[in-house]
Amino acid sequence: YTITEKKGDIGGLTYDESTYTVTVTVTDDGKGSLKAEVRYAKGSVEGDKASFTNSYTAEKSEPTDFKVVKEMTGKALEQGAFTFRLTEVNEEGDKKAGGIERVRENKESASQNADGKYEDTIDFGEISYEEPGTYYYMIEEENSGEEVDGISHNLERRIHVVKVVVEDNLKGKLEVTSKEVVTFKDGEKPNGLA
């Protein structure tokens, strides 16, 4: 007899391609009974059982992007007039050791939106995930609440935290299942992160 594992189509699952040869030896014990001895062989290695090992690994998630919009009234946006920072934090809002940190400046914008404001989209790039879990990113504007060269920076001193939930779909792929923004003022304790 031979024993093999039938390969399925479950994503992320590695199937064992081992083949076992089963030998059954039947002997007469001379007392009116038959005795069967079963041996399993995988190649040249023999044993008393067949063992198959499988492993499961989920691929990293598709990349998700992080963008904010800067609006300005009174004059066109000049290149580099505003600087923004994205920092990976924990659920208490504290900077995460070894976490992601990205700094971006605005681009020049001389066109106005429907509300008569000059605006630019700040793109922090994409992030992919290799582990399931909940991730937090704080987005801040430098010089928040201050006036620099006649320009007021984020007078309401708002800080935004992006909460990203990543789950294993159990089909071999990690997925971003939710992405929400929590907003609070500088100096306050961010609520709703956990």
C-alpha atoms as a PDB file:
ATOM      1  CA  TYR A   1       0.000   0.000   0.000  1.00  0.00           C
ATOM      2  CA  THR A   2       1.055   3.628  -0.464  1.00  0.00           C
ATOM      3  CA  ILE A   3      -0.142   6.659   1.504  1.00  0.00           C
ATOM      4  CA  THR A   4       0.075  10.218   0.173  1.00  0.00           C
ATOM      5  CA  GLU A   5      -1.539  13.518   1.111  1.00  0.00           C
ATOM      6  CA  LYS A   6      -4.003  14.871  -1.433  1.00  0.00           C
ATOM      7  CA  LYS A   7      -3.065  18.411  -2.364  1.00  0.00           C
ATOM      8  CA  GLY A   8      -5.831  20.973  -1.908  1.00  0.00           C
ATOM      9  CA  ASP A   9      -6.237  24.576  -3.016  1.00  0.00           C
ATOM     10  CA  ILE A  10      -6.214  26.480   0.291  1.00  0.00           C
ATOM     11  CA  GLY A  11      -4.139  29.635  -0.145  1.00  0.00           C
ATOM     12  CA  GLY A  12      -1.033  29.960   2.027  1.00  0.00           C
ATOM     13  CA  LEU A  13      -1.026  26.270   2.958  1.00  0.00           C
ATOM     14  CA  THR A  14       2.006  24.126   2.082  1.00  0.00           C
ATOM     15  CA  TYR A  15       1.199  20.477   1.473  1.00  0.00           C
ATOM     16  CA  ASP A  16       3.452  17.546   2.374  1.00  0.00           C
ATOM     17  CA  GLU A  17       4.530  15.646  -0.742  1.00  0.00           C
ATOM     18  CA  SER A  18       5.822  12.613   1.174  1.00  0.00           C
ATOM     19  CA  THR A  19       4.957   9.103   0.011  1.00  0.00           C
ATOM     20  CA  TYR A  20       4.854   6.213   2.471  1.00  0.00           C
ATOM     21  CA  THR A  21       4.999   2.562   1.487  1.00  0.00           C
ATOM     22  CA  VAL A  22       3.015   0.401   3.898  1.00  0.00           C
ATOM     23  CA  THR A  23       3.969  -3.241   4.284  1.00  0.00           C
ATOM     24  CA  VAL A  24       1.613  -5.577   6.151  1.00  0.00           C
ATOM     25  CA  THR A  25       3.054  -8.941   7.126  1.00  0.00           C
ATOM     26  CA  VAL A  26       0.516 -11.552   8.289  1.00  0.00           C
ATOM     27  CA  THR A  27       1.710 -14.628  10.200  1.00  0.00           C
ATOM     28  CA  ASP A  28       0.018 -17.633  11.746  1.00  0.00           C
ATOM     29  CA  ASP A  29       0.839 -17.882  15.442  1.00  0.00           C
ATOM     30  CA  GLY A  30       0.203 -21.656  15.384  1.00  0.00           C
ATOM     31  CA  LYS A  31      -2.602 -21.310  17.895  1.00  0.00           C
ATOM     32  CA  GLY A  32      -5.436 -20.602  15.500  1.00  0.00           C
ATOM     33  CA  SER A  33      -4.881 -16.838  15.152  1.00  0.00           C
ATOM     34  CA  LEU A  34      -3.347 -14.617  12.506  1.00  0.00           C
ATOM     35  CA  LYS A  35      -1.068 -11.769  13.506  1.00  0.00           C
ATOM     36  CA  ALA A  36      -0.515  -8.633  11.345  1.00  0.00           C
ATOM     37  CA  GLU A  37       2.592  -6.458  11.571  1.00  0.00           C
ATOM     38  CA  VAL A  38       2.467  -3.070   9.849  1.00  0.00           C
ATOM     39  CA  ARG A  39       5.577  -1.123   8.844  1.00  0.00           C
ATOM     40  CA  TYR A  40       5.791   2.281   7.189  1.00  0.00           C
ATOM     41  CA  ALA A  41       8.673   3.298   4.952  1.00  0.00           C
ATOM     42  CA  LYS A  42       9.497   6.739   3.564  1.00  0.00           C
ATOM     43  CA  GLY A  43      12.276   6.075   1.102  1.00  0.00           C
ATOM     44  CA  SER A  44      14.843   4.023   2.995  1.00  0.00           C
ATOM     45  CA  VAL A  45      13.637   5.143   6.435  1.00  0.00           C
ATOM     46  CA  GLU A  46      11.229   2.817   8.236  1.00  0.00           C
ATOM     47  CA  GLY A  47       8.953   3.529  11.173  1.00  0.00           C
ATOM     48  CA  ASP A  48       5.754   2.560  12.941  1.00  0.00           C
ATOM     49  CA  LYS A  49       3.612   5.405  11.597  1.00  0.00           C
ATOM     50  CA  ALA A  50       3.160   7.807   8.676  1.00  0.00           C
ATOM     51  CA  SER A  51       3.585  11.491   9.499  1.00  0.00           C
ATOM     52  CA  PHE A  52       2.642  14.472   7.301  1.00  0.00           C
ATOM     53  CA  THR A  53       3.627  18.054   8.126  1.00  0.00           C
ATOM     54  CA  ASN A  54       1.924  21.180   6.819  1.00  0.00           C
ATOM     55  CA  SER A  55       2.658  24.870   7.244  1.00  0.00           C
ATOM     56  CA  TYR A  56       0.617  28.027   6.718  1.00  0.00           C
ATOM     57  CA  THR A  57       1.937  31.474   5.795  1.00  0.00           C
ATOM     58  CA  ALA A  58      -0.096  34.537   4.848  1.00  0.00           C
ATOM     59  CA  GLU A  59       1.329  36.874   2.206  1.00  0.00           C
ATOM     60  CA  LYS A  60       1.762  40.538   3.103  1.00  0.00           C
ATOM     61  CA  SER A  61      -1.133  42.897   2.514  1.00  0.00           C
ATOM     62  CA  GLU A  62      -1.700  45.075  -0.505  1.00  0.00           C
ATOM     63  CA  PRO A  63      -0.198  48.531   0.098  1.00  0.00           C
ATOM     64  CA  THR A  64      -2.447  51.176   1.657  1.00  0.00           C
ATOM     65  CA  ASP A  65      -1.808  54.876   1.121  1.00  0.00           C
ATOM     66  CA  PHE A  66      -1.621  57.766   3.580  1.00  0.00           C
ATOM     67  CA  LYS A  67      -2.567  61.249   2.396  1.00  0.00           C
ATOM     68  CA  VAL A  68      -3.715  64.519   3.957  1.00  0.00           C
ATOM     69  CA  VAL A  69      -5.006  67.707   2.328  1.00  0.00           C
ATOM     70  CA  LYS A  70      -3.562  71.118   3.245  1.00  0.00           C
ATOM     71  CA  GLU A  71      -5.847  74.104   2.723  1.00  0.00           C
ATOM     72  CA  MET A  72      -4.851  77.753   2.828  1.00  0.00           C
ATOM     73  CA  THR A  73      -6.764  81.005   2.521  1.00  0.00           C
ATOM     74  CA  GLY A  74      -5.539  84.449   1.534  1.00  0.00           C
ATOM     75  CA  LYS A  75      -2.673  83.460  -0.777  1.00  0.00           C
ATOM     76  CA  ALA A  76      -1.408  80.649  -2.969  1.00  0.00           C
ATOM     77  CA  LEU A  77       0.563  77.813  -1.443  1.00  0.00           C
ATOM     78  CA  GLU A  78       4.311  78.180  -1.883  1.00  0.00           C
ATOM     79  CA  GLN A  79       6.576  75.171  -2.271  1.00  0.00           C
ATOM     80  CA  GLY A  80       7.744  73.889   1.132  1.00  0.00           C
ATOM     81  CA  ALA A  81       5.826  76.452   3.180  1.00  0.00           C
ATOM     82  CA  PHE A  82       4.414  73.678   5.376  1.00  0.00           C
ATOM     83  CA  THR A  83       5.994  70.507   6.722  1.00  0.00           C
ATOM     84  CA  PHE A  84       4.099  67.424   7.856  1.00  0.00           C
ATOM     85  CA  ARG A  85       5.238  64.404   9.807  1.00  0.00           C
ATOM     86  CA  LEU A  86       3.774  60.881   9.937  1.00  0.00           C
ATOM     87  CA  THR A  87       4.920  58.891  12.970  1.00  0.00           C
ATOM     88  CA  GLU A  88       3.975  55.348  13.959  1.00  0.00           C
ATOM     89  CA  VAL A  89       2.692  55.325  17.555  1.00  0.00           C
ATOM     90  CA  ASN A  90       1.242  52.834  20.035  1.00  0.00           C
ATOM     91  CA  GLU A  91      -2.362  52.809  21.242  1.00  0.00           C
ATOM     92  CA  GLU A  92      -1.507  55.366  23.944  1.00  0.00           C
ATOM     93  CA  GLY A  93      -0.286  57.786  21.274  1.00  0.00           C
ATOM     94  CA  ASP A  94       3.410  57.444  22.175  1.00  0.00           C
ATOM     95  CA  LYS A  95       6.062  57.088  19.486  1.00  0.00           C
ATOM     96  CA  LYS A  96       6.723  53.437  18.681  1.00  0.00           C
ATOM     97  CA  ALA A  97      10.362  52.355  18.947  1.00  0.00           C
ATOM     98  CA  GLY A  98      11.656  51.362  15.511  1.00  0.00           C
ATOM     99  CA  GLY A  99       8.376  52.492  13.929  1.00  0.00           C
ATOM    100  CA  ILE A 100       7.808  54.242  10.618  1.00  0.00           C
ATOM    101  CA  GLU A 101       8.440  57.988  10.395  1.00  0.00           C
ATOM    102  CA  ARG A 102       8.060  60.078   7.241  1.00  0.00           C
ATOM    103  CA  VAL A 103       8.365  63.831   6.631  1.00  0.00           C
ATOM    104  CA  ARG A 104       6.812  65.628   3.652  1.00  0.00           C
ATOM    105  CA  GLU A 105       6.495  69.245   2.472  1.00  0.00           C
ATOM    106  CA  ASN A 106       3.659  70.749   0.499  1.00  0.00           C
ATOM    107  CA  LYS A 107       3.943  71.460  -3.204  1.00  0.00           C
ATOM    108  CA  GLU A 108       3.209  74.796  -4.889  1.00  0.00           C
ATOM    109  CA  SER A 109      -0.491  75.344  -5.579  1.00  0.00           C
ATOM    110  CA  ALA A 110      -1.946  78.424  -7.288  1.00  0.00           C
ATOM    111  CA  SER A 111      -5.379  76.962  -8.038  1.00  0.00           C
ATOM    112  CA  GLN A 112      -8.385  77.357  -5.761  1.00  0.00           C
ATOM    113  CA  ASN A 113     -10.967  74.723  -4.833  1.00  0.00           C
ATOM    114  CA  ALA A 114     -14.743  75.204  -4.825  1.00  0.00           C
ATOM    115  CA  ASP A 115     -14.518  76.927  -1.418  1.00  0.00           C
ATOM    116  CA  GLY A 116     -11.986  79.454  -2.684  1.00  0.00           C
ATOM    117  CA  LYS A 117      -9.111  77.837  -0.750  1.00  0.00           C
ATOM    118  CA  TYR A 118      -5.726  76.889  -2.102  1.00  0.00           C
ATOM    119  CA  GLU A 119      -5.001  73.241  -1.415  1.00  0.00           C
ATOM    120  CA  ASP A 120      -2.411  70.536  -1.874  1.00  0.00           C
ATOM    121  CA  THR A 121      -2.478  66.807  -1.157  1.00  0.00           C
ATOM    122  CA  ILE A 122       0.415  65.652   1.033  1.00  0.00           C
ATOM    123  CA  ASP A 123       1.332  62.072   0.102  1.00  0.00           C
ATOM    124  CA  PHE A 124       3.220  60.038   2.710  1.00  0.00           C
ATOM    125  CA  GLY A 125       3.435  57.010   0.410  1.00  0.00           C
ATOM    126  CA  GLU A 126       2.192  53.475   0.871  1.00  0.00           C
ATOM    127  CA  ILE A 127       2.635  50.914   3.655  1.00  0.00           C
ATOM    128  CA  SER A 128       2.230  47.120   3.401  1.00  0.00           C
ATOM    129  CA  TYR A 129       1.821  44.785   6.367  1.00  0.00           C
ATOM    130  CA  GLU A 130       3.494  41.437   7.056  1.00  0.00           C
ATOM    131  CA  GLU A 131       1.799  40.748  10.410  1.00  0.00           C
ATOM    132  CA  PRO A 132      -1.843  40.977  11.499  1.00  0.00           C
ATOM    133  CA  GLY A 133      -2.655  43.534  14.186  1.00  0.00           C
ATOM    134  CA  THR A 134      -3.711  47.120  14.828  1.00  0.00           C
ATOM    135  CA  TYR A 135      -1.398  49.932  13.735  1.00  0.00           C
ATOM    136  CA  TYR A 136      -1.504  53.661  14.590  1.00  0.00           C
ATOM    137  CA  TYR A 137       0.051  56.624  12.750  1.00  0.00           C
ATOM    138  CA  MET A 138       0.059  60.199  14.054  1.00  0.00           C
ATOM    139  CA  ILE A 139       0.057  62.981  11.453  1.00  0.00           C
ATOM    140  CA  GLU A 140       1.160  66.443  12.608  1.00  0.00           C
ATOM    141  CA  GLU A 141       1.925  69.780  11.014  1.00  0.00           C
ATOM    142  CA  GLU A 142       5.167  71.382  12.190  1.00  0.00           C
ATOM    143  CA  ASN A 143       4.880  74.807  13.862  1.00  0.00           C
ATOM    144  CA  SER A 144       1.285  73.923  14.726  1.00  0.00           C
ATOM    145  CA  GLY A 145      -0.568  76.824  16.363  1.00  0.00           C
ATOM    146  CA  GLU A 146       2.202  79.306  15.504  1.00  0.00           C
ATOM    147  CA  GLU A 147       2.569  82.163  13.058  1.00  0.00           C
ATOM    148  CA  VAL A 148       5.672  81.992  10.848  1.00  0.00           C
ATOM    149  CA  ASP A 149       6.466  84.711   8.272  1.00  0.00           C
ATOM    150  CA  GLY A 150       2.908  85.978   8.457  1.00  0.00           C
ATOM    151  CA  ILE A 151       1.394  82.535   7.903  1.00  0.00           C
ATOM    152  CA  SER A 152      -0.702  80.888  10.613  1.00  0.00           C
ATOM    153  CA  HIS A 153      -0.033  77.164  10.961  1.00  0.00           C
ATOM    154  CA  ASN A 154      -2.924  74.882  11.956  1.00  0.00           C
ATOM    155  CA  LEU A 155      -4.473  77.349  14.407  1.00  0.00           C
ATOM    156  CA  GLU A 156      -6.793  74.721  15.863  1.00  0.00           C
ATOM    157  CA  ARG A 157      -3.701  72.606  16.643  1.00  0.00           C
ATOM    158  CA  ARG A 158      -5.394  69.483  15.333  1.00  0.00           C
ATOM    159  CA  ILE A 159      -3.537  66.180  15.276  1.00  0.00           C
ATOM    160  CA  HIS A 160      -4.804  63.191  13.343  1.00  0.00           C
ATOM    161  CA  VAL A 161      -4.197  59.540  14.167  1.00  0.00           C
ATOM    162  CA  VAL A 162      -4.883  56.921  11.515  1.00  0.00           C
ATOM    163  CA  LYS A 163      -5.911  53.541  12.946  1.00  0.00           C
ATOM    164  CA  VAL A 164      -5.344  50.580  10.633  1.00  0.00           C
ATOM    165  CA  VAL A 165      -6.602  47.053  11.367  1.00  0.00           C
ATOM    166  CA  VAL A 166      -4.901  44.183   9.524  1.00  0.00           C
ATOM    167  CA  GLU A 167      -6.332  40.644   9.567  1.00  0.00           C
ATOM    168  CA  ASP A 168      -5.456  37.255   8.108  1.00  0.00           C
ATOM    169  CA  ASN A 169      -8.219  36.174   5.707  1.00  0.00           C
ATOM    170  CA  LEU A 170      -7.149  32.532   6.327  1.00  0.00           C
ATOM    171  CA  LYS A 171      -6.772  32.088   2.578  1.00  0.00           C
ATOM    172  CA  GLY A 172      -3.103  32.994   2.468  1.00  0.00           C
ATOM    173  CA  LYS A 173      -3.382  36.791   2.463  1.00  0.00           C
ATOM    174  CA  LEU A 174      -3.286  39.642   4.975  1.00  0.00           C
ATOM    175  CA  GLU A 175      -5.932  42.321   4.423  1.00  0.00           C
ATOM    176  CA  VAL A 176      -6.517  45.851   5.710  1.00  0.00           C
ATOM    177  CA  THR A 177     -10.050  45.450   7.057  1.00  0.00           C
ATOM    178  CA  SER A 178     -10.520  48.968   8.424  1.00  0.00           C
ATOM    179  CA  LYS A 179      -8.836  52.364   8.326  1.00  0.00           C
ATOM    180  CA  GLU A 180     -10.203  55.244  10.382  1.00  0.00           C
ATOM    181  CA  VAL A 181      -9.018  58.661  11.531  1.00  0.00           C
ATOM    182  CA  VAL A 182      -9.203  59.935  15.117  1.00  0.00           C
ATOM    183  CA  THR A 183      -8.747  63.711  15.529  1.00  0.00           C
ATOM    184  CA  PHE A 184      -7.787  65.580  18.703  1.00  0.00           C
ATOM    185  CA  LYS A 185      -6.105  68.823  19.729  1.00  0.00           C
ATOM    186  CA  ASP A 186      -2.425  69.089  20.593  1.00  0.00           C
ATOM    187  CA  GLY A 187      -1.913  68.629  24.330  1.00  0.00           C
ATOM    188  CA  GLU A 188      -4.959  66.429  24.755  1.00  0.00           C
ATOM    189  CA  LYS A 189      -4.899  62.701  25.305  1.00  0.00           C
ATOM    190  CA  PRO A 190      -6.064  60.945  22.141  1.00  0.00           C
ATOM    191  CA  ASN A 191      -9.191  58.916  22.793  1.00  0.00           C
ATOM    192  CA  GLY A 192     -10.550  55.973  20.853  1.00  0.00           C
ATOM    193  CA  LEU A 193      -7.239  54.578  19.670  1.00  0.00           C
ATOM    194  CA  ALA A 194      -7.473  51.173  21.369  1.00  0.00           C
END
